[in-house]
Amino acid sequence: MTIRVVLTDDQPLVRAALQMVITDTADIEVVGEAGDGAEAVRLTEELAPDVVVMDLRMPGMDGIEATRLITTGTSSTRVVVLTTFDDDDYVYGALHAGASGFLVKDMALDDILAAVRIVAAGDALIAPAVTRRLIKEFTARPAASPPRRVELGGITEREREVLTLVGRGLSNTEIADELYISIATAKTYLTRLLAKLDARDRVQLVILAYEAGLVAPSQ
């Protein structure tokens, strides 16, 4: 099945680079290009792509608002943020708005394509090392708005431990090693957490762990 993608970036060169690589890819097709968030929302409604690759800083409607409008609508389209992480204050906001993951612009193009496939398959893309950077980046900034505090009702102490490790950016294998359980058991806990906390994917679990105070910059 071909993955239908809309590329959203105000820099034509970025879109052209991705378009060039995708042209030679059998399973991914660019069905539209947008130069700002409003156009991305319109194209999503018109074309119903599987994935929107979304820049954050754009003139007019930014990527956060566009992501929120796309993911809270009736569309099944998933959003992957494409940003310059080191100088971008809005990654957390984009994930909270409903993005299924994020990429950085200095990634290899092949890695970006792999990420699109992962998200199109229904998973979330948030690499452990990048998760740790994300949490550290946003919790370490005094100028940033403090996260809302959430209560985690209905989960067991063991599930809380797993959620903490997810929030710290550990993979399922690393969680299994940390808690001396099998990878299958770690996956089971993750599935239970998704259901109990009504979370869409692993990205939302990371956000919940952060908002519940389970993770801190030193972790």
C-alpha atoms as a PDB file:
ATOM      1  CA  MET A   1       0.000   0.000   0.000  1.00  0.00           C
ATOM      2  CA  THR A   2       1.342   3.414  -0.956  1.00  0.00           C
ATOM      3  CA  ILE A   3       1.667   5.952   1.876  1.00  0.00           C
ATOM      4  CA  ARG A   4       0.184   9.278   0.809  1.00  0.00           C
ATOM      5  CA  VAL A   5       2.039  12.281   2.240  1.00  0.00           C
ATOM      6  CA  VAL A   6       1.578  16.043   2.364  1.00  0.00           C
ATOM      7  CA  LEU A   7       4.814  18.010   2.869  1.00  0.00           C
ATOM      8  CA  THR A   8       4.460  21.228   4.858  1.00  0.00           C
ATOM      9  CA  ASP A   9       7.350  23.662   5.093  1.00  0.00           C
ATOM     10  CA  ASP A  10       7.764  27.317   4.206  1.00  0.00           C
ATOM     11  CA  GLN A  11      11.168  26.546   2.681  1.00  0.00           C
ATOM     12  CA  PRO A  12      10.740  25.275  -0.895  1.00  0.00           C
ATOM     13  CA  LEU A  13      14.218  23.727  -0.808  1.00  0.00           C
ATOM     14  CA  VAL A  14      13.244  21.462   2.105  1.00  0.00           C
ATOM     15  CA  ARG A  15      10.127  20.308   0.298  1.00  0.00           C
ATOM     16  CA  ALA A  16      12.105  19.807  -2.922  1.00  0.00           C
ATOM     17  CA  ALA A  17      14.721  17.664  -1.178  1.00  0.00           C
ATOM     18  CA  LEU A  18      12.079  15.417   0.341  1.00  0.00           C
ATOM     19  CA  GLN A  19      10.126  15.280  -2.905  1.00  0.00           C
ATOM     20  CA  MET A  20      13.268  14.247  -4.792  1.00  0.00           C
ATOM     21  CA  VAL A  21      13.955  11.332  -2.458  1.00  0.00           C
ATOM     22  CA  ILE A  22      10.320  10.225  -2.299  1.00  0.00           C
ATOM     23  CA  THR A  23      10.092  10.167  -6.097  1.00  0.00           C
ATOM     24  CA  ASP A  24      12.479   7.206  -6.061  1.00  0.00           C
ATOM     25  CA  THR A  25      10.588   5.451  -3.247  1.00  0.00           C
ATOM     26  CA  ALA A  26       8.029   2.878  -4.297  1.00  0.00           C
ATOM     27  CA  ASP A  27       5.857   2.909  -1.183  1.00  0.00           C
ATOM     28  CA  ILE A  28       5.571   6.662  -0.468  1.00  0.00           C
ATOM     29  CA  GLU A  29       3.905   9.294  -2.637  1.00  0.00           C
ATOM     30  CA  VAL A  30       3.724  13.072  -2.186  1.00  0.00           C
ATOM     31  CA  VAL A  31       0.133  14.080  -2.917  1.00  0.00           C
ATOM     32  CA  GLY A  32       0.448  17.724  -1.896  1.00  0.00           C
ATOM     33  CA  GLU A  33       2.753  20.479  -0.677  1.00  0.00           C
ATOM     34  CA  ALA A  34       1.933  23.337   1.679  1.00  0.00           C
ATOM     35  CA  GLY A  35       3.888  26.445   2.586  1.00  0.00           C
ATOM     36  CA  ASP A  36       2.044  27.164   5.833  1.00  0.00           C
ATOM     37  CA  GLY A  37      -0.242  25.578   8.402  1.00  0.00           C
ATOM     38  CA  ALA A  38      -3.512  26.819   6.954  1.00  0.00           C
ATOM     39  CA  GLU A  39      -2.710  25.291   3.586  1.00  0.00           C
ATOM     40  CA  ALA A  40      -1.742  22.025   5.281  1.00  0.00           C
ATOM     41  CA  VAL A  41      -5.122  21.880   7.023  1.00  0.00           C
ATOM     42  CA  ARG A  42      -6.928  22.598   3.752  1.00  0.00           C
ATOM     43  CA  LEU A  43      -4.971  19.950   1.853  1.00  0.00           C
ATOM     44  CA  THR A  44      -5.595  17.398   4.598  1.00  0.00           C
ATOM     45  CA  GLU A  45      -9.335  17.971   4.345  1.00  0.00           C
ATOM     46  CA  GLU A  46      -9.185  17.803   0.553  1.00  0.00           C
ATOM     47  CA  LEU A  47      -6.751  14.917   0.029  1.00  0.00           C
ATOM     48  CA  ALA A  48      -6.982  12.841   3.240  1.00  0.00           C
ATOM     49  CA  PRO A  49      -3.274  11.888   3.261  1.00  0.00           C
ATOM     50  CA  ASP A  50      -1.931   9.207   5.573  1.00  0.00           C
ATOM     51  CA  VAL A  51       0.790  11.460   6.979  1.00  0.00           C
ATOM     52  CA  VAL A  52       1.501  15.183   7.066  1.00  0.00           C
ATOM     53  CA  VAL A  53       5.160  16.096   7.539  1.00  0.00           C
ATOM     54  CA  MET A  54       4.845  19.398   9.401  1.00  0.00           C
ATOM     55  CA  ASP A  55       7.312  22.214   9.991  1.00  0.00           C
ATOM     56  CA  LEU A  56       6.650  24.306  13.109  1.00  0.00           C
ATOM     57  CA  ARG A  57       7.827  27.816  12.390  1.00  0.00           C
ATOM     58  CA  MET A  58       5.936  29.134   9.393  1.00  0.00           C
ATOM     59  CA  PRO A  59       4.279  32.437   8.498  1.00  0.00           C
ATOM     60  CA  GLY A  60       0.591  32.722   9.243  1.00  0.00           C
ATOM     61  CA  MET A  61      -0.714  29.589  10.962  1.00  0.00           C
ATOM     62  CA  ASP A  62       2.171  27.747  12.583  1.00  0.00           C
ATOM     63  CA  GLY A  63       2.671  24.011  12.739  1.00  0.00           C
ATOM     64  CA  ILE A  64       1.318  23.611  16.269  1.00  0.00           C
ATOM     65  CA  GLU A  65      -2.086  25.068  15.458  1.00  0.00           C
ATOM     66  CA  ALA A  66      -2.240  23.181  12.179  1.00  0.00           C
ATOM     67  CA  THR A  67      -1.390  19.939  13.966  1.00  0.00           C
ATOM     68  CA  ARG A  68      -4.117  20.539  16.530  1.00  0.00           C
ATOM     69  CA  LEU A  69      -6.726  21.202  13.836  1.00  0.00           C
ATOM     70  CA  ILE A  70      -5.721  18.125  11.838  1.00  0.00           C
ATOM     71  CA  THR A  71      -5.604  15.684  14.746  1.00  0.00           C
ATOM     72  CA  THR A  72      -8.769  16.876  16.488  1.00  0.00           C
ATOM     73  CA  GLY A  73     -10.855  16.609  13.340  1.00  0.00           C
ATOM     74  CA  THR A  74     -12.468  13.533  11.846  1.00  0.00           C
ATOM     75  CA  SER A  75      -9.472  12.750   9.667  1.00  0.00           C
ATOM     76  CA  SER A  76      -7.300   9.722  10.402  1.00  0.00           C
ATOM     77  CA  THR A  77      -4.257  11.600   9.109  1.00  0.00           C
ATOM     78  CA  ARG A  78      -1.243  11.487  11.396  1.00  0.00           C
ATOM     79  CA  VAL A  79       1.265  14.299  11.801  1.00  0.00           C
ATOM     80  CA  VAL A  80       5.036  14.111  12.070  1.00  0.00           C
ATOM     81  CA  VAL A  81       6.809  17.314  13.049  1.00  0.00           C
ATOM     82  CA  LEU A  82       9.927  18.228  11.095  1.00  0.00           C
ATOM     83  CA  THR A  83      11.883  20.906  12.902  1.00  0.00           C
ATOM     84  CA  THR A  84      15.277  22.301  13.833  1.00  0.00           C
ATOM     85  CA  PHE A  85      15.243  20.920  17.369  1.00  0.00           C
ATOM     86  CA  ASP A  86      18.174  22.795  18.835  1.00  0.00           C
ATOM     87  CA  ASP A  87      16.636  26.218  18.321  1.00  0.00           C
ATOM     88  CA  ASP A  88      12.956  25.404  18.490  1.00  0.00           C
ATOM     89  CA  ASP A  89      10.862  26.141  21.582  1.00  0.00           C
ATOM     90  CA  TYR A  90       7.707  24.477  20.315  1.00  0.00           C
ATOM     91  CA  VAL A  91       8.382  20.735  20.023  1.00  0.00           C
ATOM     92  CA  TYR A  92       6.570  19.912  23.255  1.00  0.00           C
ATOM     93  CA  GLY A  93       3.604  22.012  22.172  1.00  0.00           C
ATOM     94  CA  ALA A  94       3.402  20.185  18.857  1.00  0.00           C
ATOM     95  CA  LEU A  95       3.428  16.772  20.521  1.00  0.00           C
ATOM     96  CA  HIS A  96       0.764  17.939  22.941  1.00  0.00           C
ATOM     97  CA  ALA A  97      -1.287  19.172  19.980  1.00  0.00           C
ATOM     98  CA  GLY A  98      -1.416  15.619  18.668  1.00  0.00           C
ATOM     99  CA  ALA A  99       1.697  14.970  16.587  1.00  0.00           C
ATOM    100  CA  SER A 100       2.668  11.316  16.446  1.00  0.00           C
ATOM    101  CA  GLY A 101       6.339  12.125  16.644  1.00  0.00           C
ATOM    102  CA  PHE A 102       8.976  14.493  15.437  1.00  0.00           C
ATOM    103  CA  LEU A 103      12.009  14.535  13.237  1.00  0.00           C
ATOM    104  CA  VAL A 104      14.923  16.938  13.048  1.00  0.00           C
ATOM    105  CA  LYS A 105      16.018  18.489   9.784  1.00  0.00           C
ATOM    106  CA  ASP A 106      19.596  17.271  10.062  1.00  0.00           C
ATOM    107  CA  MET A 107      18.482  13.630  10.002  1.00  0.00           C
ATOM    108  CA  ALA A 108      19.410  11.547   6.985  1.00  0.00           C
ATOM    109  CA  LEU A 109      16.650  11.594   4.384  1.00  0.00           C
ATOM    110  CA  ASP A 110      16.405   7.811   4.501  1.00  0.00           C
ATOM    111  CA  ASP A 111      15.745   8.025   8.253  1.00  0.00           C
ATOM    112  CA  ILE A 112      12.970  10.539   7.626  1.00  0.00           C
ATOM    113  CA  LEU A 113      11.375   8.156   5.137  1.00  0.00           C
ATOM    114  CA  ALA A 114      11.629   5.320   7.650  1.00  0.00           C
ATOM    115  CA  ALA A 115       9.937   7.534  10.230  1.00  0.00           C
ATOM    116  CA  VAL A 116       7.066   8.276   7.861  1.00  0.00           C
ATOM    117  CA  ARG A 117       6.542   4.540   7.402  1.00  0.00           C
ATOM    118  CA  ILE A 118       6.530   3.951  11.172  1.00  0.00           C
ATOM    119  CA  VAL A 119       3.939   6.634  11.807  1.00  0.00           C
ATOM    120  CA  ALA A 120       1.784   5.583   8.852  1.00  0.00           C
ATOM    121  CA  ALA A 121       1.703   2.072  10.326  1.00  0.00           C
ATOM    122  CA  GLY A 122       0.060   3.496  13.452  1.00  0.00           C
ATOM    123  CA  ASP A 123       3.054   3.737  15.738  1.00  0.00           C
ATOM    124  CA  ALA A 124       4.634   6.813  17.269  1.00  0.00           C
ATOM    125  CA  LEU A 125       8.147   7.929  16.497  1.00  0.00           C
ATOM    126  CA  ILE A 126      10.035   9.270  19.468  1.00  0.00           C
ATOM    127  CA  ALA A 127      13.496   7.805  19.741  1.00  0.00           C
ATOM    128  CA  PRO A 128      14.738   7.189  23.300  1.00  0.00           C
ATOM    129  CA  ALA A 129      17.735   9.506  23.027  1.00  0.00           C
ATOM    130  CA  VAL A 130      15.596  12.264  21.545  1.00  0.00           C
ATOM    131  CA  THR A 131      12.966  11.768  24.241  1.00  0.00           C
ATOM    132  CA  ARG A 132      15.563  12.385  26.916  1.00  0.00           C
ATOM    133  CA  ARG A 133      16.667  15.555  25.129  1.00  0.00           C
ATOM    134  CA  LEU A 134      13.065  16.687  24.830  1.00  0.00           C
ATOM    135  CA  ILE A 135      12.295  16.271  28.522  1.00  0.00           C
ATOM    136  CA  LYS A 136      15.557  17.907  29.561  1.00  0.00           C
ATOM    137  CA  GLU A 137      15.106  20.789  27.130  1.00  0.00           C
ATOM    138  CA  PHE A 138      11.652  21.770  28.284  1.00  0.00           C
ATOM    139  CA  THR A 139      11.932  21.125  32.000  1.00  0.00           C
ATOM    140  CA  ALA A 140      15.234  23.002  32.245  1.00  0.00           C
ATOM    141  CA  ARG A 141      13.927  26.268  30.843  1.00  0.00           C
ATOM    142  CA  PRO A 142      12.625  28.630  33.547  1.00  0.00           C
ATOM    143  CA  ALA A 143      11.103  30.871  30.920  1.00  0.00           C
ATOM    144  CA  ALA A 144       8.921  28.104  29.577  1.00  0.00           C
ATOM    145  CA  SER A 145       5.349  27.772  30.740  1.00  0.00           C
ATOM    146  CA  PRO A 146       5.130  25.114  33.465  1.00  0.00           C
ATOM    147  CA  PRO A 147       3.311  21.953  32.418  1.00  0.00           C
ATOM    148  CA  ARG A 148      -0.139  21.320  33.729  1.00  0.00           C
ATOM    149  CA  ARG A 149      -0.141  18.742  36.504  1.00  0.00           C
ATOM    150  CA  VAL A 150      -2.186  15.615  35.924  1.00  0.00           C
ATOM    151  CA  GLU A 151      -3.276  12.897  38.334  1.00  0.00           C
ATOM    152  CA  LEU A 152      -2.707   9.309  37.295  1.00  0.00           C
ATOM    153  CA  GLY A 153      -5.656   7.439  38.695  1.00  0.00           C
ATOM    154  CA  GLY A 154      -6.385   3.780  38.132  1.00  0.00           C
ATOM    155  CA  ILE A 155      -2.873   2.539  37.422  1.00  0.00           C
ATOM    156  CA  THR A 156      -0.879   0.139  39.556  1.00  0.00           C
ATOM    157  CA  GLU A 157       2.466   0.897  41.140  1.00  0.00           C
ATOM    158  CA  ARG A 158       4.183  -1.328  38.585  1.00  0.00           C
ATOM    159  CA  GLU A 159       2.444   0.500  35.742  1.00  0.00           C
ATOM    160  CA  ARG A 160       3.614   3.773  37.265  1.00  0.00           C
ATOM    161  CA  GLU A 161       7.179   2.457  37.196  1.00  0.00           C
ATOM    162  CA  VAL A 162       6.813   1.537  33.534  1.00  0.00           C
ATOM    163  CA  LEU A 163       5.329   4.959  32.736  1.00  0.00           C
ATOM    164  CA  THR A 164       8.257   6.643  34.456  1.00  0.00           C
ATOM    165  CA  LEU A 165      10.711   4.679  32.334  1.00  0.00           C
ATOM    166  CA  VAL A 166       8.754   5.482  29.165  1.00  0.00           C
ATOM    167  CA  GLY A 167       8.933   9.138  30.146  1.00  0.00           C
ATOM    168  CA  ARG A 168      12.693   8.857  30.591  1.00  0.00           C
ATOM    169  CA  GLY A 169      12.915   7.650  27.000  1.00  0.00           C
ATOM    170  CA  LEU A 170      13.657   3.972  27.552  1.00  0.00           C
ATOM    171  CA  SER A 171      12.734   1.490  24.849  1.00  0.00           C
ATOM    172  CA  ASN A 172      10.717  -1.656  25.586  1.00  0.00           C
ATOM    173  CA  THR A 173      13.940  -3.672  25.735  1.00  0.00           C
ATOM    174  CA  GLU A 174      15.521  -1.207  28.167  1.00  0.00           C
ATOM    175  CA  ILE A 175      12.383  -1.198  30.331  1.00  0.00           C
ATOM    176  CA  ALA A 176      12.450  -4.995  30.452  1.00  0.00           C
ATOM    177  CA  ASP A 177      16.094  -4.967  31.513  1.00  0.00           C
ATOM    178  CA  GLU A 178      15.515  -2.263  34.126  1.00  0.00           C
ATOM    179  CA  LEU A 179      12.575  -4.091  35.745  1.00  0.00           C
ATOM    180  CA  TYR A 180      13.857  -7.652  35.189  1.00  0.00           C
ATOM    181  CA  ILE A 181      10.828  -8.608  33.116  1.00  0.00           C
ATOM    182  CA  SER A 182      10.431  -9.985  29.612  1.00  0.00           C
ATOM    183  CA  ILE A 183      10.012  -7.712  26.596  1.00  0.00           C
ATOM    184  CA  ALA A 184       6.546  -9.223  26.067  1.00  0.00           C
ATOM    185  CA  THR A 185       5.580  -8.256  29.623  1.00  0.00           C
ATOM    186  CA  ALA A 186       6.911  -4.734  29.079  1.00  0.00           C
ATOM    187  CA  LYS A 187       4.753  -4.449  25.952  1.00  0.00           C
ATOM    188  CA  THR A 188       1.741  -5.685  27.929  1.00  0.00           C
ATOM    189  CA  TYR A 189       2.239  -2.969  30.534  1.00  0.00           C
ATOM    190  CA  LEU A 190       2.537  -0.400  27.776  1.00  0.00           C
ATOM    191  CA  THR A 191      -0.717  -1.574  26.201  1.00  0.00           C
ATOM    192  CA  ARG A 192      -2.482  -1.349  29.571  1.00  0.00           C
ATOM    193  CA  LEU A 193      -1.167   2.175  30.144  1.00  0.00           C
ATOM    194  CA  LEU A 194      -2.396   3.297  26.735  1.00  0.00           C
ATOM    195  CA  ALA A 195      -5.865   1.964  27.532  1.00  0.00           C
ATOM    196  CA  LYS A 196      -6.107   3.163  31.140  1.00  0.00           C
ATOM    197  CA  LEU A 197      -4.800   6.653  30.421  1.00  0.00           C
ATOM    198  CA  ASP A 198      -6.681   6.968  27.126  1.00  0.00           C
ATOM    199  CA  ALA A 199      -3.413   7.794  25.396  1.00  0.00           C
ATOM    200  CA  ARG A 200      -3.137   7.673  21.633  1.00  0.00           C
ATOM    201  CA  ASP A 201       0.447   6.427  21.494  1.00  0.00           C
ATOM    202  CA  ARG A 202       3.831   6.390  23.210  1.00  0.00           C
ATOM    203  CA  VAL A 203       4.301  10.110  22.621  1.00  0.00           C
ATOM    204  CA  GLN A 204       1.273  10.896  24.753  1.00  0.00           C
ATOM    205  CA  LEU A 205       2.580   8.605  27.489  1.00  0.00           C
ATOM    206  CA  VAL A 206       5.824  10.591  27.537  1.00  0.00           C
ATOM    207  CA  ILE A 207       3.836  13.814  27.882  1.00  0.00           C
ATOM    208  CA  LEU A 208       1.686  12.356  30.675  1.00  0.00           C
ATOM    209  CA  ALA A 209       4.764  11.166  32.539  1.00  0.00           C
ATOM    210  CA  TYR A 210       6.217  14.660  32.294  1.00  0.00           C
ATOM    211  CA  GLU A 211       2.988  16.365  33.355  1.00  0.00           C
ATOM    212  CA  ALA A 212       2.513  14.003  36.288  1.00  0.00           C
ATOM    213  CA  GLY A 213       5.966  14.865  37.590  1.00  0.00           C
ATOM    214  CA  LEU A 214       7.410  11.393  37.043  1.00  0.00           C
ATOM    215  CA  VAL A 215      10.407  12.632  35.058  1.00  0.00           C
ATOM    216  CA  ALA A 216      12.878  15.430  35.686  1.00  0.00           C
ATOM    217  CA  PRO A 217      15.879  16.939  33.865  1.00  0.00           C
ATOM    218  CA  SER A 218      18.346  14.935  35.940  1.00  0.00           C
ATOM    219  CA  GLN A 219      16.788  11.685  34.771  1.00  0.00           C
END
